[in-house]
Amino acid sequence: MKESNPATKRPSKIAPLLGKSVDELKAERLELRRSQFNLRMQKATGQMSKPHLFNEIRKNIARINTILTQKAGE
């Protein structure tokens, strides 16, 4: 994977995840799912202060799932 996107000159969000082991990725995914659950509880109780985190966490979980699938195919 590339370190950055040449079109936008932004660093790749997936690059730091590629160097991690499967166990580290699974642990990070579990932590993100817990964060996602906590955000849902905050939303339900009306204490939501950062709604943009829903999309960010969801996309990070998808990135990790993609990498785990790639590593399983190797």
PDB file of N, CA and C in Angstrom:
ATOM      1  N   MET A   1       0.834  -1.185   0.000  1.00  0.00           N
ATOM      2  CA  MET A   1       0.000   0.000   0.000  1.00  0.00           C
ATOM      3  C   MET A   1       0.876   1.245   0.000  1.00  0.00           C
ATOM      4  N   LYS A   2       0.308   2.299  -0.513  1.00  0.00           N
ATOM      5  CA  LYS A   2       1.040   3.549  -0.582  1.00  0.00           C
ATOM      6  C   LYS A   2       0.986   4.262   0.761  1.00  0.00           C
ATOM      7  N   GLU A   3       2.031   5.033   1.038  1.00  0.00           N
ATOM      8  CA  GLU A   3       2.079   5.810   2.265  1.00  0.00           C
ATOM      9  C   GLU A   3       1.185   7.035   2.191  1.00  0.00           C
ATOM     10  N   SER A   4       0.978   7.560   0.979  1.00  0.00           N
ATOM     11  CA  SER A   4       0.117   8.726   0.827  1.00  0.00           C
ATOM     12  C   SER A   4      -0.560   8.676  -0.529  1.00  0.00           C
ATOM     13  N   ASN A   5      -1.625   9.420  -0.634  1.00  0.00           N
ATOM     14  CA  ASN A   5      -2.366   9.518  -1.882  1.00  0.00           C
ATOM     15  C   ASN A   5      -1.762  10.660  -2.681  1.00  0.00           C
ATOM     16  N   PRO A   6      -1.168  10.398  -3.847  1.00  0.00           N
ATOM     17  CA  PRO A   6      -0.511  11.476  -4.595  1.00  0.00           C
ATOM     18  C   PRO A   6      -1.487  12.538  -5.087  1.00  0.00           C
ATOM     19  N   ALA A   7      -2.741  12.188  -5.285  1.00  0.00           N
ATOM     20  CA  ALA A   7      -3.708  13.164  -5.780  1.00  0.00           C
ATOM     21  C   ALA A   7      -4.051  14.202  -4.715  1.00  0.00           C
ATOM     22  N   THR A   8      -4.159  13.776  -3.465  1.00  0.00           N
ATOM     23  CA  THR A   8      -4.537  14.706  -2.397  1.00  0.00           C
ATOM     24  C   THR A   8      -3.372  15.082  -1.492  1.00  0.00           C
ATOM     25  N   LYS A   9      -2.263  14.352  -1.629  1.00  0.00           N
ATOM     26  CA  LYS A   9      -1.077  14.574  -0.792  1.00  0.00           C
ATOM     27  C   LYS A   9      -1.379  14.382   0.697  1.00  0.00           C
ATOM     28  N   ARG A  10      -2.356  13.551   0.988  1.00  0.00           N
ATOM     29  CA  ARG A  10      -2.700  13.224   2.371  1.00  0.00           C
ATOM     30  C   ARG A  10      -2.085  11.874   2.723  1.00  0.00           C
ATOM     31  N   PRO A  11      -1.713  11.698   3.973  1.00  0.00           N
ATOM     32  CA  PRO A  11      -1.191  10.387   4.360  1.00  0.00           C
ATOM     33  C   PRO A  11      -2.298   9.335   4.320  1.00  0.00           C
ATOM     34  N   SER A  12      -1.918   8.129   3.975  1.00  0.00           N
ATOM     35  CA  SER A  12      -2.871   7.026   3.915  1.00  0.00           C
ATOM     36  C   SER A  12      -3.330   6.669   5.321  1.00  0.00           C
ATOM     37  N   LYS A  13      -4.612   6.407   5.482  1.00  0.00           N
ATOM     38  CA  LYS A  13      -5.137   6.040   6.793  1.00  0.00           C
ATOM     39  C   LYS A  13      -4.973   4.556   7.066  1.00  0.00           C
ATOM     40  N   ILE A  14      -4.685   3.806   6.020  1.00  0.00           N
ATOM     41  CA  ILE A  14      -4.567   2.364   6.178  1.00  0.00           C
ATOM     42  C   ILE A  14      -3.115   1.939   6.424  1.00  0.00           C
ATOM     43  N   ALA A  15      -2.168   2.772   6.073  1.00  0.00           N
ATOM     44  CA  ALA A  15      -0.748   2.420   6.188  1.00  0.00           C
ATOM     45  C   ALA A  15      -0.330   2.038   7.610  1.00  0.00           C
ATOM     46  N   PRO A  16      -0.733   2.774   8.649  1.00  0.00           N
ATOM     47  CA  PRO A  16      -0.306   2.365   9.997  1.00  0.00           C
ATOM     48  C   PRO A  16      -0.877   1.010  10.426  1.00  0.00           C
ATOM     49  N   LEU A  17      -1.992   0.623   9.840  1.00  0.00           N
ATOM     50  CA  LEU A  17      -2.618  -0.644  10.211  1.00  0.00           C
ATOM     51  C   LEU A  17      -1.946  -1.838   9.550  1.00  0.00           C
ATOM     52  N   LEU A  18      -1.297  -1.621   8.428  1.00  0.00           N
ATOM     53  CA  LEU A  18      -0.707  -2.723   7.673  1.00  0.00           C
ATOM     54  C   LEU A  18       0.436  -3.407   8.413  1.00  0.00           C
ATOM     55  N   GLY A  19       1.145  -2.673   9.246  1.00  0.00           N
ATOM     56  CA  GLY A  19       2.277  -3.244   9.959  1.00  0.00           C
ATOM     57  C   GLY A  19       1.897  -4.014  11.207  1.00  0.00           C
ATOM     58  N   LYS A  20       0.626  -4.019  11.563  1.00  0.00           N
ATOM     59  CA  LYS A  20       0.197  -4.678  12.792  1.00  0.00           C
ATOM     60  C   LYS A  20      -0.120  -6.145  12.540  1.00  0.00           C
ATOM     61  N   SER A  21       0.007  -6.931  13.597  1.00  0.00           N
ATOM     62  CA  SER A  21      -0.309  -8.357  13.495  1.00  0.00           C
ATOM     63  C   SER A  21      -1.823  -8.556  13.549  1.00  0.00           C
ATOM     64  N   VAL A  22      -2.244  -9.764  13.256  1.00  0.00           N
ATOM     65  CA  VAL A  22      -3.675 -10.085  13.263  1.00  0.00           C
ATOM     66  C   VAL A  22      -4.259  -9.885  14.664  1.00  0.00           C
ATOM     67  N   ASP A  23      -3.527 -10.304  15.682  1.00  0.00           N
ATOM     68  CA  ASP A  23      -4.018 -10.147  17.055  1.00  0.00           C
ATOM     69  C   ASP A  23      -4.158  -8.677  17.431  1.00  0.00           C
ATOM     70  N   GLU A  24      -3.193  -7.861  17.014  1.00  0.00           N
ATOM     71  CA  GLU A  24      -3.272  -6.422  17.299  1.00  0.00           C
ATOM     72  C   GLU A  24      -4.460  -5.789  16.585  1.00  0.00           C
ATOM     73  N   LEU A  25      -4.696  -6.212  15.352  1.00  0.00           N
ATOM     74  CA  LEU A  25      -5.826  -5.677  14.593  1.00  0.00           C
ATOM     75  C   LEU A  25      -7.152  -6.074  15.231  1.00  0.00           C
ATOM     76  N   LYS A  26      -7.249  -7.312  15.680  1.00  0.00           N
ATOM     77  CA  LYS A  26      -8.483  -7.762  16.329  1.00  0.00           C
ATOM     78  C   LYS A  26      -8.721  -7.012  17.635  1.00  0.00           C
ATOM     79  N   ALA A  27      -7.654  -6.745  18.376  1.00  0.00           N
ATOM     80  CA  ALA A  27      -7.789  -5.990  19.621  1.00  0.00           C
ATOM     81  C   ALA A  27      -8.231  -4.556  19.340  1.00  0.00           C
ATOM     82  N   GLU A  28      -7.672  -3.963  18.306  1.00  0.00           N
ATOM     83  CA  GLU A  28      -8.056  -2.597  17.951  1.00  0.00           C
ATOM     84  C   GLU A  28      -9.504  -2.547  17.470  1.00  0.00           C
ATOM     85  N   ARG A  29      -9.910  -3.561  16.709  1.00  0.00           N
ATOM     86  CA  ARG A  29     -11.297  -3.622  16.238  1.00  0.00           C
ATOM     87  C   ARG A  29     -12.258  -3.745  17.419  1.00  0.00           C
ATOM     88  N   LEU A  30     -11.896  -4.552  18.406  1.00  0.00           N
ATOM     89  CA  LEU A  30     -12.733  -4.698  19.596  1.00  0.00           C
ATOM     90  C   LEU A  30     -12.855  -3.367  20.336  1.00  0.00           C
ATOM     91  N   GLU A  31     -11.746  -2.661  20.460  1.00  0.00           N
ATOM     92  CA  GLU A  31     -11.761  -1.354  21.129  1.00  0.00           C
ATOM     93  C   GLU A  31     -12.630  -0.354  20.363  1.00  0.00           C
ATOM     94  N   LEU A  32     -12.554  -0.379  19.041  1.00  0.00           N
ATOM     95  CA  LEU A  32     -13.383   0.517  18.232  1.00  0.00           C
ATOM     96  C   LEU A  32     -14.865   0.173  18.376  1.00  0.00           C
ATOM     97  N   ARG A  33     -15.179  -1.105  18.446  1.00  0.00           N
ATOM     98  CA  ARG A  33     -16.580  -1.508  18.627  1.00  0.00           C
ATOM     99  C   ARG A  33     -17.105  -1.063  19.984  1.00  0.00           C
ATOM    100  N   ARG A  34     -16.259  -1.111  20.997  1.00  0.00           N
ATOM    101  CA  ARG A  34     -16.669  -0.608  22.317  1.00  0.00           C
ATOM    102  C   ARG A  34     -16.918   0.897  22.263  1.00  0.00           C
ATOM    103  N   SER A  35     -16.042   1.604  21.573  1.00  0.00           N
ATOM    104  CA  SER A  35     -16.230   3.051  21.414  1.00  0.00           C
ATOM    105  C   SER A  35     -17.520   3.343  20.665  1.00  0.00           C
ATOM    106  N   GLN A  36     -17.797   2.548  19.649  1.00  0.00           N
ATOM    107  CA  GLN A  36     -19.018   2.718  18.867  1.00  0.00           C
ATOM    108  C   GLN A  36     -20.250   2.493  19.753  1.00  0.00           C
ATOM    109  N   PHE A  37     -20.204   1.482  20.593  1.00  0.00           N
ATOM    110  CA  PHE A  37     -21.308   1.213  21.511  1.00  0.00           C
ATOM    111  C   PHE A  37     -21.502   2.382  22.477  1.00  0.00           C
ATOM    112  N   ASN A  38     -20.397   2.887  23.026  1.00  0.00           N
ATOM    113  CA  ASN A  38     -20.484   4.019  23.955  1.00  0.00           C
ATOM    114  C   ASN A  38     -21.067   5.250  23.277  1.00  0.00           C
ATOM    115  N   LEU A  39     -20.717   5.484  22.025  1.00  0.00           N
ATOM    116  CA  LEU A  39     -21.292   6.614  21.288  1.00  0.00           C
ATOM    117  C   LEU A  39     -22.794   6.442  21.101  1.00  0.00           C
ATOM    118  N   ARG A  40     -23.212   5.211  20.814  1.00  0.00           N
ATOM    119  CA  ARG A  40     -24.654   4.964  20.662  1.00  0.00           C
ATOM    120  C   ARG A  40     -25.391   5.227  21.967  1.00  0.00           C
ATOM    121  N   MET A  41     -24.783   4.860  23.083  1.00  0.00           N
ATOM    122  CA  MET A  41     -25.407   5.112  24.385  1.00  0.00           C
ATOM    123  C   MET A  41     -25.472   6.615  24.669  1.00  0.00           C
ATOM    124  N   GLN A  42     -24.416   7.341  24.315  1.00  0.00           N
ATOM    125  CA  GLN A  42     -24.421   8.795  24.497  1.00  0.00           C
ATOM    126  C   GLN A  42     -25.511   9.433  23.654  1.00  0.00           C
ATOM    127  N   LYS A  43     -25.679   8.940  22.438  1.00  0.00           N
ATOM    128  CA  LYS A  43     -26.709   9.488  21.562  1.00  0.00           C
ATOM    129  C   LYS A  43     -28.098   9.221  22.140  1.00  0.00           C
ATOM    130  N   ALA A  44     -28.290   8.023  22.671  1.00  0.00           N
ATOM    131  CA  ALA A  44     -29.595   7.654  23.224  1.00  0.00           C
ATOM    132  C   ALA A  44     -29.946   8.476  24.456  1.00  0.00           C
ATOM    133  N   THR A  45     -28.936   8.859  25.229  1.00  0.00           N
ATOM    134  CA  THR A  45     -29.196   9.630  26.443  1.00  0.00           C
ATOM    135  C   THR A  45     -29.102  11.129  26.213  1.00  0.00           C
ATOM    136  N   GLY A  46     -28.812  11.534  24.986  1.00  0.00           N
ATOM    137  CA  GLY A  46     -28.758  12.958  24.670  1.00  0.00           C
ATOM    138  C   GLY A  46     -27.469  13.644  25.074  1.00  0.00           C
ATOM    139  N   GLN A  47     -26.417  12.893  25.314  1.00  0.00           N
ATOM    140  CA  GLN A  47     -25.137  13.464  25.737  1.00  0.00           C
ATOM    141  C   GLN A  47     -24.121  13.508  24.601  1.00  0.00           C
ATOM    142  N   MET A  48     -24.582  13.376  23.384  1.00  0.00           N
ATOM    143  CA  MET A  48     -23.696  13.301  22.221  1.00  0.00           C
ATOM    144  C   MET A  48     -23.010  14.636  21.979  1.00  0.00           C
ATOM    145  N   SER A  49     -21.678  14.641  22.003  1.00  0.00           N
ATOM    146  CA  SER A  49     -20.952  15.887  21.766  1.00  0.00           C
ATOM    147  C   SER A  49     -20.154  15.861  20.462  1.00  0.00           C
ATOM    148  N   LYS A  50     -19.849  14.665  19.955  1.00  0.00           N
ATOM    149  CA  LYS A  50     -19.032  14.554  18.741  1.00  0.00           C
ATOM    150  C   LYS A  50     -19.669  13.565  17.762  1.00  0.00           C
ATOM    151  N   PRO A  51     -20.711  13.981  17.057  1.00  0.00           N
ATOM    152  CA  PRO A  51     -21.400  13.045  16.161  1.00  0.00           C
ATOM    153  C   PRO A  51     -20.563  12.589  14.971  1.00  0.00           C
ATOM    154  N   HIS A  52     -19.522  13.332  14.613  1.00  0.00           N
ATOM    155  CA  HIS A  52     -18.682  12.937  13.482  1.00  0.00           C
ATOM    156  C   HIS A  52     -17.912  11.646  13.759  1.00  0.00           C
ATOM    157  N   LEU A  53     -17.793  11.272  15.016  1.00  0.00           N
ATOM    158  CA  LEU A  53     -17.045  10.065  15.355  1.00  0.00           C
ATOM    159  C   LEU A  53     -17.751   8.792  14.900  1.00  0.00           C
ATOM    160  N   PHE A  54     -19.082   8.839  14.715  1.00  0.00           N
ATOM    161  CA  PHE A  54     -19.802   7.665  14.223  1.00  0.00           C
ATOM    162  C   PHE A  54     -19.200   7.184  12.910  1.00  0.00           C
ATOM    163  N   ASN A  55     -19.104   8.085  11.940  1.00  0.00           N
ATOM    164  CA  ASN A  55     -18.577   7.712  10.623  1.00  0.00           C
ATOM    165  C   ASN A  55     -17.109   7.329  10.697  1.00  0.00           C
ATOM    166  N   GLU A  56     -16.339   8.059  11.473  1.00  0.00           N
ATOM    167  CA  GLU A  56     -14.906   7.788  11.577  1.00  0.00           C
ATOM    168  C   GLU A  56     -14.650   6.388  12.144  1.00  0.00           C
ATOM    169  N   ILE A  57     -15.350   6.049  13.208  1.00  0.00           N
ATOM    170  CA  ILE A  57     -15.164   4.737  13.830  1.00  0.00           C
ATOM    171  C   ILE A  57     -15.650   3.632  12.900  1.00  0.00           C
ATOM    172  N   ARG A  58     -16.792   3.839  12.259  1.00  0.00           N
ATOM    173  CA  ARG A  58     -17.340   2.839  11.340  1.00  0.00           C
ATOM    174  C   ARG A  58     -16.358   2.563  10.201  1.00  0.00           C
ATOM    175  N   LYS A  59     -15.763   3.614   9.660  1.00  0.00           N
ATOM    176  CA  LYS A  59     -14.814   3.444   8.559  1.00  0.00           C
ATOM    177  C   LYS A  59     -13.525   2.772   9.024  1.00  0.00           C
ATOM    178  N   ASN A  60     -13.078   3.086  10.232  1.00  0.00           N
ATOM    179  CA  ASN A  60     -11.876   2.438  10.754  1.00  0.00           C
ATOM    180  C   ASN A  60     -12.108   0.944  10.976  1.00  0.00           C
ATOM    181  N   ILE A  61     -13.303   0.584  11.446  1.00  0.00           N
ATOM    182  CA  ILE A  61     -13.632  -0.830  11.608  1.00  0.00           C
ATOM    183  C   ILE A  61     -13.610  -1.520  10.248  1.00  0.00           C
ATOM    184  N   ALA A  62     -14.158  -0.872   9.234  1.00  0.00           N
ATOM    185  CA  ALA A  62     -14.162  -1.442   7.882  1.00  0.00           C
ATOM    186  C   ALA A  62     -12.741  -1.595   7.349  1.00  0.00           C
ATOM    187  N   ARG A  63     -11.879  -0.632   7.618  1.00  0.00           N
ATOM    188  CA  ARG A  63     -10.480  -0.729   7.175  1.00  0.00           C
ATOM    189  C   ARG A  63      -9.804  -1.945   7.808  1.00  0.00           C
ATOM    190  N   ILE A  64     -10.024  -2.112   9.107  1.00  0.00           N
ATOM    191  CA  ILE A  64      -9.415  -3.242   9.815  1.00  0.00           C
ATOM    192  C   ILE A  64      -9.962  -4.561   9.278  1.00  0.00           C
ATOM    193  N   ASN A  65     -11.272  -4.620   9.038  1.00  0.00           N
ATOM    194  CA  ASN A  65     -11.863  -5.842   8.486  1.00  0.00           C
ATOM    195  C   ASN A  65     -11.272  -6.167   7.119  1.00  0.00           C
ATOM    196  N   THR A  66     -11.033  -5.150   6.309  1.00  0.00           N
ATOM    197  CA  THR A  66     -10.435  -5.355   4.989  1.00  0.00           C
ATOM    198  C   THR A  66      -9.033  -5.938   5.116  1.00  0.00           C
ATOM    199  N   ILE A  67      -8.240  -5.390   6.004  1.00  0.00           N
ATOM    200  CA  ILE A  67      -6.872  -5.880   6.191  1.00  0.00           C
ATOM    201  C   ILE A  67      -6.885  -7.310   6.730  1.00  0.00           C
ATOM    202  N   LEU A  68      -7.787  -7.595   7.675  1.00  0.00           N
ATOM    203  CA  LEU A  68      -7.878  -8.953   8.215  1.00  0.00           C
ATOM    204  C   LEU A  68      -8.254  -9.954   7.123  1.00  0.00           C
ATOM    205  N   THR A  69      -9.141  -9.561   6.225  1.00  0.00           N
ATOM    206  CA  THR A  69      -9.525 -10.430   5.114  1.00  0.00           C
ATOM    207  C   THR A  69      -8.343 -10.656   4.178  1.00  0.00           C
ATOM    208  N   GLN A  70      -7.587  -9.598   3.910  1.00  0.00           N
ATOM    209  CA  GLN A  70      -6.407  -9.726   3.054  1.00  0.00           C
ATOM    210  C   GLN A  70      -5.379 -10.659   3.686  1.00  0.00           C
ATOM    211  N   LYS A  71      -5.156 -10.514   4.989  1.00  0.00           N
ATOM    212  CA  LYS A  71      -4.163 -11.352   5.664  1.00  0.00           C
ATOM    213  C   LYS A  71      -4.630 -12.803   5.737  1.00  0.00           C
ATOM    214  N   ALA A  72      -5.930 -13.022   5.817  1.00  0.00           N
ATOM    215  CA  ALA A  72      -6.455 -14.390   5.854  1.00  0.00           C
ATOM    216  C   ALA A  72      -6.248 -15.080   4.509  1.00  0.00           C
ATOM    217  N   GLY A  73      -6.236 -14.312   3.435  1.00  0.00           N
ATOM    218  CA  GLY A  73      -6.043 -14.874   2.101  1.00  0.00           C
ATOM    219  C   GLY A  73      -4.597 -15.178   1.767  1.00  0.00           C
ATOM    220  N   GLU A  74      -3.689 -14.684   2.553  1.00  0.00           N
ATOM    221  CA  GLU A  74      -2.259 -14.888   2.274  1.00  0.00           C
ATOM    222  C   GLU A  74      -1.794 -16.259   2.684  1.00  0.00           C
TER     223      GLU A  74
END
